[in-house]
C-alpha atoms as a PDB file:
ATOM      1  CA  MET A   1      21.681  -8.980  31.280  1.00  0.00           C
ATOM      2  CA  PHE A   2      18.299  -7.128  30.941  1.00  0.00           C
ATOM      3  CA  ASN A   3      17.647  -4.350  33.423  1.00  0.00           C
ATOM      4  CA  SER A   4      14.129  -2.660  33.135  1.00  0.00           C
ATOM      5  CA  GLU A   5      13.294   0.648  34.764  1.00  0.00           C
ATOM      6  CA  PHE A   6       9.907  -0.876  35.569  1.00  0.00           C
ATOM      7  CA  LYS A   7       9.038  -3.085  38.479  1.00  0.00           C
ATOM      8  CA  ASN A   8       5.848  -4.218  37.521  1.00  0.00           C
ATOM      9  CA  LEU A   9       3.227  -4.246  34.552  1.00  0.00           C
ATOM     10  CA  ASN A  10       1.233  -1.152  36.224  1.00  0.00           C
ATOM     11  CA  GLU A  11       4.836   1.004  36.355  1.00  0.00           C
ATOM     12  CA  LEU A  12       5.127   0.102  32.536  1.00  0.00           C
ATOM     13  CA  LEU A  13       1.759   0.913  31.801  1.00  0.00           C
ATOM     14  CA  GLU A  14       2.130   4.608  33.897  1.00  0.00           C
ATOM     15  CA  MET A  15       4.990   5.526  32.826  1.00  0.00           C
ATOM     16  CA  GLY A  16       5.740   7.957  35.680  1.00  0.00           C
ATOM     17  CA  GLY A  17       2.295  10.236  34.605  1.00  0.00           C
ATOM     18  CA  HIS A  18       3.355   9.890  30.797  1.00  0.00           C
ATOM     19  CA  GLY A  19       1.346   6.447  29.775  1.00  0.00           C
ATOM     20  CA  ILE A  20      -1.805   8.050  29.163  1.00  0.00           C
ATOM     21  CA  TYR A  21       0.275  10.176  26.338  1.00  0.00           C
ATOM     22  CA  VAL A  22       2.995   7.264  25.321  1.00  0.00           C
ATOM     23  CA  TRP A  23       0.286   5.114  24.873  1.00  0.00           C
ATOM     24  CA  SER A  24      -2.097   7.300  22.982  1.00  0.00           C
ATOM     25  CA  VAL A  25       0.086   7.718  20.831  1.00  0.00           C
ATOM     26  CA  TYR A  26       1.037   3.998  19.687  1.00  0.00           C
ATOM     27  CA  LEU A  27      -2.652   3.375  19.563  1.00  0.00           C
ATOM     28  CA  ILE A  28      -2.973   5.939  17.237  1.00  0.00           C
ATOM     29  CA  GLY A  29      -0.146   4.865  14.790  1.00  0.00           C
ATOM     30  CA  ILE A  30      -1.168   2.066  14.742  1.00  0.00           C
ATOM     31  CA  SER A  31      -4.382   2.391  13.970  1.00  0.00           C
ATOM     32  CA  ILE A  32      -3.297   5.310  11.135  1.00  0.00           C
ATOM     33  CA  ILE A  33      -1.129   2.177   9.687  1.00  0.00           C
ATOM     34  CA  ALA A  34      -4.217  -0.508   9.968  1.00  0.00           C
ATOM     35  CA  ILE A  35      -6.752   1.762   8.588  1.00  0.00           C
ATOM     36  CA  SER A  36      -4.057   2.688   5.623  1.00  0.00           C
ATOM     37  CA  PHE A  37      -3.682  -0.630   4.772  1.00  0.00           C
ATOM     38  CA  LEU A  38      -7.686  -1.390   4.874  1.00  0.00           C
ATOM     39  CA  VAL A  39      -7.887   0.986   2.448  1.00  0.00           C
ATOM     40  CA  ALA A  40      -5.294   0.280  -0.147  1.00  0.00           C
ATOM     41  CA  LYS A  41      -6.248  -3.222   0.121  1.00  0.00           C
ATOM     42  CA  LYS A  42      -9.841  -2.095  -1.156  1.00  0.00           C
ATOM     43  CA  ARG A  43      -8.286   0.366  -3.664  1.00  0.00           C
ATOM     44  CA  ILE A  44      -6.328  -3.173  -5.012  1.00  0.00           C
ATOM     45  CA  LYS A  45      -9.622  -5.299  -5.139  1.00  0.00           C
ATOM     46  CA  ALA A  46     -11.027  -2.460  -6.928  1.00  0.00           C
ATOM     47  CA  VAL A  47      -8.239  -2.130  -9.926  1.00  0.00           C
ATOM     48  CA  GLN A  48      -8.731  -5.690  -9.519  1.00  0.00           C
ATOM     49  CA  ARG A  49     -12.102  -6.043 -10.537  1.00  0.00           C
ATOM     50  CA  LYS A  50     -11.951  -3.080 -13.169  1.00  0.00           C
ATOM     51  CA  ILE A  51      -9.128  -4.947 -15.227  1.00  0.00           C
ATOM     52  CA  LYS A  52     -11.588  -7.932 -14.690  1.00  0.00           C
ATOM     53  CA  PHE A  53     -14.385  -6.740 -16.179  1.00  0.00           C
ATOM     54  CA  LYS A  54     -12.582  -4.852 -19.258  1.00  0.00           C
ATOM     55  CA  ASN A  55     -10.828  -8.334 -20.247  1.00  0.00           C
ATOM     56  CA  ALA A  56     -14.356  -9.879 -20.095  1.00  0.00           C
ATOM     57  CA  SER A  57     -15.842  -7.027 -21.978  1.00  0.00           C
ATOM     58  CA  SER A  58     -12.952  -7.014 -24.927  1.00  0.00           C
END
């Protein structure tokens, strides 16, 4: 049903000598997504605070 190219976890991580490049790209990509999410969340909270302050002072 499911045939894997890799016989064990070590072969999966090494990927025929290319593992360091493959896994570093995954790490960079996930980091960029996480940072983007956190920045967006921070900006949304800042806008919400501005809206609350504006409504409170009106």
